[in-house]
PDB file of N, CA and C in Angstrom:
ATOM      1  N   UNK A   1     -10.755   0.889   6.423  1.00  0.00           N
ATOM      2  CA  UNK A   1      -9.856   1.758   7.161  1.00  0.00           C
ATOM      3  C   UNK A   1      -9.269   2.801   6.211  1.00  0.00           C
ATOM      4  N   UNK A   2      -8.382   2.419   5.299  1.00  0.00           N
ATOM      5  CA  UNK A   2      -7.801   3.285   4.264  1.00  0.00           C
ATOM      6  C   UNK A   2      -7.334   4.651   4.776  1.00  0.00           C
ATOM      7  N   UNK A   3      -6.665   4.662   5.876  1.00  0.00           N
ATOM      8  CA  UNK A   3      -6.171   5.914   6.452  1.00  0.00           C
ATOM      9  C   UNK A   3      -4.771   6.233   5.957  1.00  0.00           C
ATOM     10  N   UNK A   4      -4.553   7.511   5.695  1.00  0.00           N
ATOM     11  CA  UNK A   4      -3.230   7.977   5.278  1.00  0.00           C
ATOM     12  C   UNK A   4      -2.286   7.932   6.473  1.00  0.00           C
ATOM     13  N   UNK A   5      -1.057   7.517   6.211  1.00  0.00           N
ATOM     14  CA  UNK A   5      -0.033   7.438   7.242  1.00  0.00           C
ATOM     15  C   UNK A   5       1.070   8.449   6.960  1.00  0.00           C
ATOM     16  N   UNK A   6       1.855   8.728   7.964  1.00  0.00           N
ATOM     17  CA  UNK A   6       3.004   9.615   7.796  1.00  0.00           C
ATOM     18  C   UNK A   6       4.106   8.827   7.092  1.00  0.00           C
ATOM     19  N   UNK A   7       4.324   9.121   5.823  1.00  0.00           N
ATOM     20  CA  UNK A   7       5.284   8.395   4.995  1.00  0.00           C
ATOM     21  C   UNK A   7       6.681   8.391   5.611  1.00  0.00           C
ATOM     22  N   UNK A   8       7.164   9.551   6.018  1.00  0.00           N
ATOM     23  CA  UNK A   8       8.523   9.676   6.548  1.00  0.00           C
ATOM     24  C   UNK A   8       8.700   8.877   7.831  1.00  0.00           C
ATOM     25  N   UNK A   9       7.766   9.008   8.751  1.00  0.00           N
ATOM     26  CA  UNK A   9       7.857   8.287  10.021  1.00  0.00           C
ATOM     27  C   UNK A   9       7.785   6.777   9.788  1.00  0.00           C
ATOM     28  N   UNK A  10       6.901   6.352   8.907  1.00  0.00           N
ATOM     29  CA  UNK A  10       6.752   4.925   8.620  1.00  0.00           C
ATOM     30  C   UNK A  10       8.024   4.351   8.008  1.00  0.00           C
ATOM     31  N   UNK A  11       8.558   4.999   6.996  1.00  0.00           N
ATOM     32  CA  UNK A  11       9.731   4.454   6.319  1.00  0.00           C
ATOM     33  C   UNK A  11      10.977   4.471   7.204  1.00  0.00           C
ATOM     34  N   UNK A  12      11.054   5.384   8.172  1.00  0.00           N
ATOM     35  CA  UNK A  12      12.180   5.393   9.116  1.00  0.00           C
ATOM     36  C   UNK A  12      12.185   4.142   9.995  1.00  0.00           C
ATOM     37  N   UNK A  13      11.016   3.517  10.149  1.00  0.00           N
ATOM     38  CA  UNK A  13      10.901   2.301  10.965  1.00  0.00           C
ATOM     39  C   UNK A  13      11.236   1.032  10.175  1.00  0.00           C
ATOM     40  N   UNK A  14      11.580   1.195   8.894  1.00  0.00           N
ATOM     41  CA  UNK A  14      11.970   0.074   8.030  1.00  0.00           C
ATOM     42  C   UNK A  14      10.992  -1.103   8.077  1.00  0.00           C
ATOM     43  N   UNK A  15       9.741  -0.886   7.665  1.00  0.00           N
ATOM     44  CA  UNK A  15       8.766  -1.980   7.703  1.00  0.00           C
ATOM     45  C   UNK A  15       9.170  -3.118   6.757  1.00  0.00           C
ATOM     46  N   UNK A  16       8.769  -4.327   7.106  1.00  0.00           N
ATOM     47  CA  UNK A  16       9.036  -5.496   6.278  1.00  0.00           C
ATOM     48  C   UNK A  16       8.208  -5.418   5.007  1.00  0.00           C
ATOM     49  N   UNK A  17       8.865  -5.551   3.865  1.00  0.00           N
ATOM     50  CA  UNK A  17       8.169  -5.508   2.580  1.00  0.00           C
ATOM     51  C   UNK A  17       7.682  -6.908   2.236  1.00  0.00           C
ATOM     52  N   UNK A  18       6.352  -7.046   2.061  1.00  0.00           N
ATOM     53  CA  UNK A  18       5.768  -8.310   1.620  1.00  0.00           C
ATOM     54  C   UNK A  18       5.939  -8.472   0.113  1.00  0.00           C
ATOM     55  N   UNK A  19       5.573  -7.436  -0.632  1.00  0.00           N
ATOM     56  CA  UNK A  19       5.621  -7.473  -2.093  1.00  0.00           C
ATOM     57  C   UNK A  19       5.915  -6.082  -2.619  1.00  0.00           C
ATOM     58  N   UNK A  20       6.512  -6.046  -3.812  1.00  0.00           N
ATOM     59  CA  UNK A  20       6.794  -4.782  -4.490  1.00  0.00           C
ATOM     60  C   UNK A  20       6.472  -4.988  -5.969  1.00  0.00           C
ATOM     61  N   UNK A  21       5.755  -4.027  -6.567  1.00  0.00           N
ATOM     62  CA  UNK A  21       5.352  -4.171  -7.963  1.00  0.00           C
ATOM     63  C   UNK A  21       5.020  -2.800  -8.542  1.00  0.00           C
ATOM     64  N   UNK A  22       4.819  -2.770  -9.843  1.00  0.00           N
ATOM     65  CA  UNK A  22       4.355  -1.568 -10.538  1.00  0.00           C
ATOM     66  C   UNK A  22       2.891  -1.800 -10.895  1.00  0.00           C
ATOM     67  N   UNK A  23       2.005  -0.900 -10.453  1.00  0.00           N
ATOM     68  CA  UNK A  23       0.576  -1.082 -10.749  1.00  0.00           C
ATOM     69  C   UNK A  23       0.268  -0.678 -12.194  1.00  0.00           C
ATOM     70  N   UNK A  24      -0.979  -0.794 -12.584  1.00  0.00           N
ATOM     71  CA  UNK A  24      -1.367  -0.538 -13.974  1.00  0.00           C
ATOM     72  C   UNK A  24      -1.245   0.932 -14.370  1.00  0.00           C
ATOM     73  N   UNK A  25      -1.048   1.830 -13.404  1.00  0.00           N
ATOM     74  CA  UNK A  25      -0.836   3.250 -13.700  1.00  0.00           C
ATOM     75  C   UNK A  25       0.653   3.603 -13.697  1.00  0.00           C
ATOM     76  N   UNK A  26       1.506   2.597 -13.567  1.00  0.00           N
ATOM     77  CA  UNK A  26       2.947   2.827 -13.570  1.00  0.00           C
ATOM     78  C   UNK A  26       3.497   3.299 -12.239  1.00  0.00           C
ATOM     79  N   UNK A  27       2.714   3.177 -11.177  1.00  0.00           N
ATOM     80  CA  UNK A  27       3.138   3.612  -9.846  1.00  0.00           C
ATOM     81  C   UNK A  27       3.815   2.456  -9.112  1.00  0.00           C
ATOM     82  N   UNK A  28       4.994   2.726  -8.542  1.00  0.00           N
ATOM     83  CA  UNK A  28       5.669   1.718  -7.737  1.00  0.00           C
ATOM     84  C   UNK A  28       4.910   1.563  -6.432  1.00  0.00           C
ATOM     85  N   UNK A  29       4.618   0.316  -6.061  1.00  0.00           N
ATOM     86  CA  UNK A  29       3.865   0.024  -4.841  1.00  0.00           C
ATOM     87  C   UNK A  29       4.652  -0.978  -4.003  1.00  0.00           C
ATOM     88  N   UNK A  30       4.753  -0.694  -2.718  1.00  0.00           N
ATOM     89  CA  UNK A  30       5.308  -1.642  -1.762  1.00  0.00           C
ATOM     90  C   UNK A  30       4.211  -1.980  -0.763  1.00  0.00           C
ATOM     91  N   UNK A  31       3.913  -3.259  -0.629  1.00  0.00           N
ATOM     92  CA  UNK A  31       2.967  -3.713   0.382  1.00  0.00           C
ATOM     93  C   UNK A  31       3.790  -4.166   1.569  1.00  0.00           C
ATOM     94  N   UNK A  32       3.548  -3.547   2.723  1.00  0.00           N
ATOM     95  CA  UNK A  32       4.406  -3.782   3.882  1.00  0.00           C
ATOM     96  C   UNK A  32       3.602  -4.139   5.125  1.00  0.00           C
ATOM     97  N   UNK A  33       4.322  -4.742   6.076  1.00  0.00           N
ATOM     98  CA  UNK A  33       3.766  -5.068   7.386  1.00  0.00           C
ATOM     99  C   UNK A  33       3.919  -3.856   8.299  1.00  0.00           C
ATOM    100  N   UNK A  34       2.959  -3.640   9.161  1.00  0.00           N
ATOM    101  CA  UNK A  34       3.073  -2.561  10.141  1.00  0.00           C
ATOM    102  C   UNK A  34       4.318  -2.837  10.993  1.00  0.00           C
ATOM    103  N   UNK A  35       5.223  -1.865  11.131  1.00  0.00           N
ATOM    104  CA  UNK A  35       6.497  -2.121  11.814  1.00  0.00           C
ATOM    105  C   UNK A  35       6.386  -2.377  13.319  1.00  0.00           C
ATOM    106  N   UNK A  36       5.274  -2.033  13.927  1.00  0.00           N
ATOM    107  CA  UNK A  36       5.104  -2.263  15.366  1.00  0.00           C
ATOM    108  C   UNK A  36       4.044  -3.332  15.634  1.00  0.00           C
ATOM    109  N   UNK A  37       2.885  -3.218  14.995  1.00  0.00           N
ATOM    110  CA  UNK A  37       1.775  -4.128  15.245  1.00  0.00           C
ATOM    111  C   UNK A  37       1.818  -5.395  14.402  1.00  0.00           C
ATOM    112  N   UNK A  38       2.733  -5.470  13.447  1.00  0.00           N
ATOM    113  CA  UNK A  38       2.873  -6.669  12.622  1.00  0.00           C
ATOM    114  C   UNK A  38       1.596  -7.036  11.895  1.00  0.00           C
ATOM    115  N   UNK A  39       1.301  -8.332  11.856  1.00  0.00           N
ATOM    116  CA  UNK A  39       0.129  -8.795  11.105  1.00  0.00           C
ATOM    117  C   UNK A  39      -1.186  -8.608  11.865  1.00  0.00           C
ATOM    118  N   UNK A  40      -1.134  -7.927  13.000  1.00  0.00           N
ATOM    119  CA  UNK A  40      -2.360  -7.560  13.719  1.00  0.00           C
ATOM    120  C   UNK A  40      -3.018  -6.345  13.072  1.00  0.00           C
ATOM    121  N   UNK A  41      -2.282  -5.658  12.194  1.00  0.00           N
ATOM    122  CA  UNK A  41      -2.790  -4.486  11.468  1.00  0.00           C
ATOM    123  C   UNK A  41      -2.955  -4.842  10.001  1.00  0.00           C
ATOM    124  N   UNK A  42      -3.820  -4.105   9.287  1.00  0.00           N
ATOM    125  CA  UNK A  42      -3.949  -4.344   7.847  1.00  0.00           C
ATOM    126  C   UNK A  42      -2.634  -4.060   7.116  1.00  0.00           C
ATOM    127  N   UNK A  43      -2.509  -4.642   5.938  1.00  0.00           N
ATOM    128  CA  UNK A  43      -1.359  -4.386   5.078  1.00  0.00           C
ATOM    129  C   UNK A  43      -1.308  -2.891   4.757  1.00  0.00           C
ATOM    130  N   UNK A  44      -0.117  -2.347   4.694  1.00  0.00           N
ATOM    131  CA  UNK A  44       0.089  -0.942   4.350  1.00  0.00           C
ATOM    132  C   UNK A  44       0.601  -0.864   2.918  1.00  0.00           C
ATOM    133  N   UNK A  45       0.041   0.041   2.132  1.00  0.00           N
ATOM    134  CA  UNK A  45       0.505   0.291   0.766  1.00  0.00           C
ATOM    135  C   UNK A  45       1.346   1.562   0.776  1.00  0.00           C
ATOM    136  N   UNK A  46       2.603   1.426   0.358  1.00  0.00           N
ATOM    137  CA  UNK A  46       3.510   2.565   0.252  1.00  0.00           C
ATOM    138  C   UNK A  46       3.741   2.853  -1.229  1.00  0.00           C
ATOM    139  N   UNK A  47       3.657   4.121  -1.586  1.00  0.00           N
ATOM    140  CA  UNK A  47       3.955   4.593  -2.935  1.00  0.00           C
ATOM    141  C   UNK A  47       5.210   5.460  -2.809  1.00  0.00           C
ATOM    142  N   UNK A  48       6.411   4.834  -2.853  1.00  0.00           N
ATOM    143  CA  UNK A  48       7.641   5.561  -2.532  1.00  0.00           C
ATOM    144  C   UNK A  48       7.928   6.747  -3.449  1.00  0.00           C
ATOM    145  N   UNK A  49       7.612   6.632  -4.722  1.00  0.00           N
ATOM    146  CA  UNK A  49       7.885   7.742  -5.644  1.00  0.00           C
ATOM    147  C   UNK A  49       6.995   8.950  -5.367  1.00  0.00           C
ATOM    148  N   UNK A  50       5.819   8.704  -4.781  1.00  0.00           N
ATOM    149  CA  UNK A  50       4.878   9.778  -4.449  1.00  0.00           C
ATOM    150  C   UNK A  50       4.999  10.196  -2.981  1.00  0.00           C
ATOM    151  N   UNK A  51       5.807   9.465  -2.220  1.00  0.00           N
ATOM    152  CA  UNK A  51       5.979   9.666  -0.782  1.00  0.00           C
ATOM    153  C   UNK A  51       4.635   9.648  -0.051  1.00  0.00           C
ATOM    154  N   UNK A  52       3.847   8.604  -0.341  1.00  0.00           N
ATOM    155  CA  UNK A  52       2.545   8.410   0.279  1.00  0.00           C
ATOM    156  C   UNK A  52       2.462   7.003   0.852  1.00  0.00           C
ATOM    157  N   UNK A  53       1.698   6.854   1.941  1.00  0.00           N
ATOM    158  CA  UNK A  53       1.470   5.546   2.555  1.00  0.00           C
ATOM    159  C   UNK A  53       0.067   5.508   3.138  1.00  0.00           C
ATOM    160  N   UNK A  54      -0.605   4.367   2.963  1.00  0.00           N
ATOM    161  CA  UNK A  54      -1.980   4.201   3.431  1.00  0.00           C
ATOM    162  C   UNK A  54      -2.199   2.808   3.990  1.00  0.00           C
ATOM    163  N   UNK A  55      -3.024   2.723   5.044  1.00  0.00           N
ATOM    164  CA  UNK A  55      -3.541   1.430   5.447  1.00  0.00           C
ATOM    165  C   UNK A  55      -4.479   0.956   4.352  1.00  0.00           C
ATOM    166  N   UNK A  56      -4.447  -0.340   4.053  1.00  0.00           N
ATOM    167  CA  UNK A  56      -5.461  -0.919   3.179  1.00  0.00           C
ATOM    168  C   UNK A  56      -6.537  -1.518   4.080  1.00  0.00           C
ATOM    169  N   UNK A  57      -7.545  -2.117   3.473  1.00  0.00           N
ATOM    170  CA  UNK A  57      -8.573  -2.823   4.235  1.00  0.00           C
ATOM    171  C   UNK A  57      -8.283  -4.319   4.282  1.00  0.00           C
ATOM    172  N   UNK A  58      -7.076  -4.716   3.882  1.00  0.00           N
ATOM    173  CA  UNK A  58      -6.752  -6.124   3.718  1.00  0.00           C
ATOM    174  C   UNK A  58      -5.651  -6.559   4.679  1.00  0.00           C
ATOM    175  N   UNK A  59      -5.730  -7.831   5.098  1.00  0.00           N
ATOM    176  CA  UNK A  59      -4.717  -8.412   5.965  1.00  0.00           C
ATOM    177  C   UNK A  59      -3.789  -9.348   5.190  1.00  0.00           C
ATOM    178  N   UNK A  60      -4.078  -9.556   3.908  1.00  0.00           N
ATOM    179  CA  UNK A  60      -3.243 -10.364   3.028  1.00  0.00           C
ATOM    180  C   UNK A  60      -3.055  -9.611   1.718  1.00  0.00           C
ATOM    181  N   UNK A  61      -1.993  -9.942   0.995  1.00  0.00           N
ATOM    182  CA  UNK A  61      -1.606  -9.178  -0.200  1.00  0.00           C
ATOM    183  C   UNK A  61      -2.217  -9.680  -1.507  1.00  0.00           C
ATOM    184  N   UNK A  62      -2.697 -10.894  -1.523  1.00  0.00           N
ATOM    185  CA  UNK A  62      -3.056 -11.543  -2.782  1.00  0.00           C
ATOM    186  C   UNK A  62      -3.948 -10.706  -3.694  1.00  0.00           C
ATOM    187  N   UNK A  63      -5.083 -10.236  -3.199  1.00  0.00           N
ATOM    188  CA  UNK A  63      -6.021  -9.506  -4.062  1.00  0.00           C
ATOM    189  C   UNK A  63      -5.542  -8.104  -4.428  1.00  0.00           C
ATOM    190  N   UNK A  64      -4.848  -7.431  -3.509  1.00  0.00           N
ATOM    191  CA  UNK A  64      -4.448  -6.049  -3.780  1.00  0.00           C
ATOM    192  C   UNK A  64      -3.169  -5.943  -4.590  1.00  0.00           C
ATOM    193  N   UNK A  65      -2.438  -7.041  -4.733  1.00  0.00           N
ATOM    194  CA  UNK A  65      -1.201  -6.993  -5.521  1.00  0.00           C
ATOM    195  C   UNK A  65      -1.413  -7.450  -6.960  1.00  0.00           C
ATOM    196  N   UNK A  66      -2.629  -7.836  -7.305  1.00  0.00           N
ATOM    197  CA  UNK A  66      -2.922  -8.277  -8.668  1.00  0.00           C
ATOM    198  C   UNK A  66      -3.089  -7.046  -9.564  1.00  0.00           C
ATOM    199  N   UNK A  67      -2.099  -6.804 -10.437  1.00  0.00           N
ATOM    200  CA  UNK A  67      -2.129  -5.633 -11.316  1.00  0.00           C
ATOM    201  C   UNK A  67      -3.327  -5.752 -12.257  1.00  0.00           C
ATOM    202  N   UNK A  68      -4.166  -4.718 -12.266  1.00  0.00           N
ATOM    203  CA  UNK A  68      -5.369  -4.717 -13.080  1.00  0.00           C
ATOM    204  C   UNK A  68      -6.528  -5.459 -12.445  1.00  0.00           C
ATOM    205  N   UNK A  69      -6.297  -6.004 -11.252  1.00  0.00           N
ATOM    206  CA  UNK A  69      -7.335  -6.766 -10.558  1.00  0.00           C
ATOM    207  C   UNK A  69      -8.393  -5.870  -9.933  1.00  0.00           C
ATOM    208  N   UNK A  70      -9.421  -6.506  -9.447  1.00  0.00           N
ATOM    209  CA  UNK A  70     -10.565  -5.793  -8.874  1.00  0.00           C
ATOM    210  C   UNK A  70     -10.185  -4.895  -7.696  1.00  0.00           C
ATOM    211  N   UNK A  71      -9.195  -5.301  -6.905  1.00  0.00           N
ATOM    212  CA  UNK A  71      -8.820  -4.554  -5.700  1.00  0.00           C
ATOM    213  C   UNK A  71      -7.439  -3.908  -5.802  1.00  0.00           C
ATOM    214  N   UNK A  72      -6.948  -3.719  -7.011  1.00  0.00           N
ATOM    215  CA  UNK A  72      -5.640  -3.109  -7.215  1.00  0.00           C
ATOM    216  C   UNK A  72      -5.544  -1.779  -6.467  1.00  0.00           C
ATOM    217  N   UNK A  73      -4.378  -1.517  -5.855  1.00  0.00           N
ATOM    218  CA  UNK A  73      -4.175  -0.258  -5.145  1.00  0.00           C
ATOM    219  C   UNK A  73      -3.531   0.755  -6.088  1.00  0.00           C
ATOM    220  N   UNK A  74      -4.134   1.960  -6.129  1.00  0.00           N
ATOM    221  CA  UNK A  74      -3.659   3.033  -7.007  1.00  0.00           C
ATOM    222  C   UNK A  74      -3.878   4.384  -6.331  1.00  0.00           C
ATOM    223  N   UNK A  75      -3.176   5.389  -6.829  1.00  0.00           N
ATOM    224  CA  UNK A  75      -3.425   6.778  -6.443  1.00  0.00           C
ATOM    225  C   UNK A  75      -3.921   7.485  -7.699  1.00  0.00           C
ATOM    226  N   UNK A  76      -5.120   8.069  -7.616  1.00  0.00           N
ATOM    227  CA  UNK A  76      -5.684   8.849  -8.724  1.00  0.00           C
ATOM    228  C   UNK A  76      -6.153  10.178  -8.153  1.00  0.00           C
ATOM    229  N   UNK A  77      -5.696  11.272  -8.744  1.00  0.00           N
ATOM    230  CA  UNK A  77      -6.052  12.621  -8.295  1.00  0.00           C
ATOM    231  C   UNK A  77      -5.825  12.770  -6.791  1.00  0.00           C
ATOM    232  N   UNK A  78      -4.657  12.309  -6.329  1.00  0.00           N
ATOM    233  CA  UNK A  78      -4.272  12.388  -4.918  1.00  0.00           C
ATOM    234  C   UNK A  78      -5.201  11.626  -3.986  1.00  0.00           C
ATOM    235  N   UNK A  79      -5.929  10.656  -4.514  1.00  0.00           N
ATOM    236  CA  UNK A  79      -6.825   9.838  -3.691  1.00  0.00           C
ATOM    237  C   UNK A  79      -6.394   8.379  -3.767  1.00  0.00           C
ATOM    238  N   UNK A  80      -6.326   7.719  -2.610  1.00  0.00           N
ATOM    239  CA  UNK A  80      -5.968   6.306  -2.538  1.00  0.00           C
ATOM    240  C   UNK A  80      -7.213   5.479  -2.834  1.00  0.00           C
ATOM    241  N   UNK A  81      -7.095   4.562  -3.784  1.00  0.00           N
ATOM    242  CA  UNK A  81      -8.231   3.723  -4.171  1.00  0.00           C
ATOM    243  C   UNK A  81      -7.837   2.256  -4.176  1.00  0.00           C
ATOM    244  N   UNK A  82      -8.798   1.413  -3.844  1.00  0.00           N
ATOM    245  CA  UNK A  82      -8.680  -0.036  -3.997  1.00  0.00           C
ATOM    246  C   UNK A  82      -9.462  -0.384  -5.253  1.00  0.00           C
ATOM    247  N   UNK A  83      -8.804  -0.734  -6.325  1.00  0.00           N
ATOM    248  CA  UNK A  83      -9.506  -1.185  -7.524  1.00  0.00           C
ATOM    249  C   UNK A  83     -10.205  -0.080  -8.269  1.00  0.00           C
ATOM    250  N   UNK A  84      -9.446   0.702  -8.992  1.00  0.00           N
ATOM    251  CA  UNK A  84     -10.017   1.819  -9.773  1.00  0.00           C
ATOM    252  C   UNK A  84     -10.606   1.341 -11.089  1.00  0.00           C
ATOM    253  N   UNK A  85     -10.495   0.047 -11.377  1.00  0.00           N
ATOM    254  CA  UNK A  85     -10.988  -0.453 -12.662  1.00  0.00           C
ATOM    255  C   UNK A  85     -12.498  -0.580 -12.657  1.00  0.00           C
TER     256      UNK A  85
END
């Protein structure tokens, strides 16, 4: 999926934060639940300092929250990536 979301509209809905961490590129990441569809939608990755938000392809946080892991979420050259390593 990996679709970009409207950061402002999403954050106004106060989504539930599953996890918050700093990725290997020093970017703050919040993994959140969709505020309306809940766990029926993939986990959303919010990069608050960059004011960006994207659907991930994952329904659980374990693999995408591992800093330096195979599926780490990052923004490189304005592109959302799962596992840039």
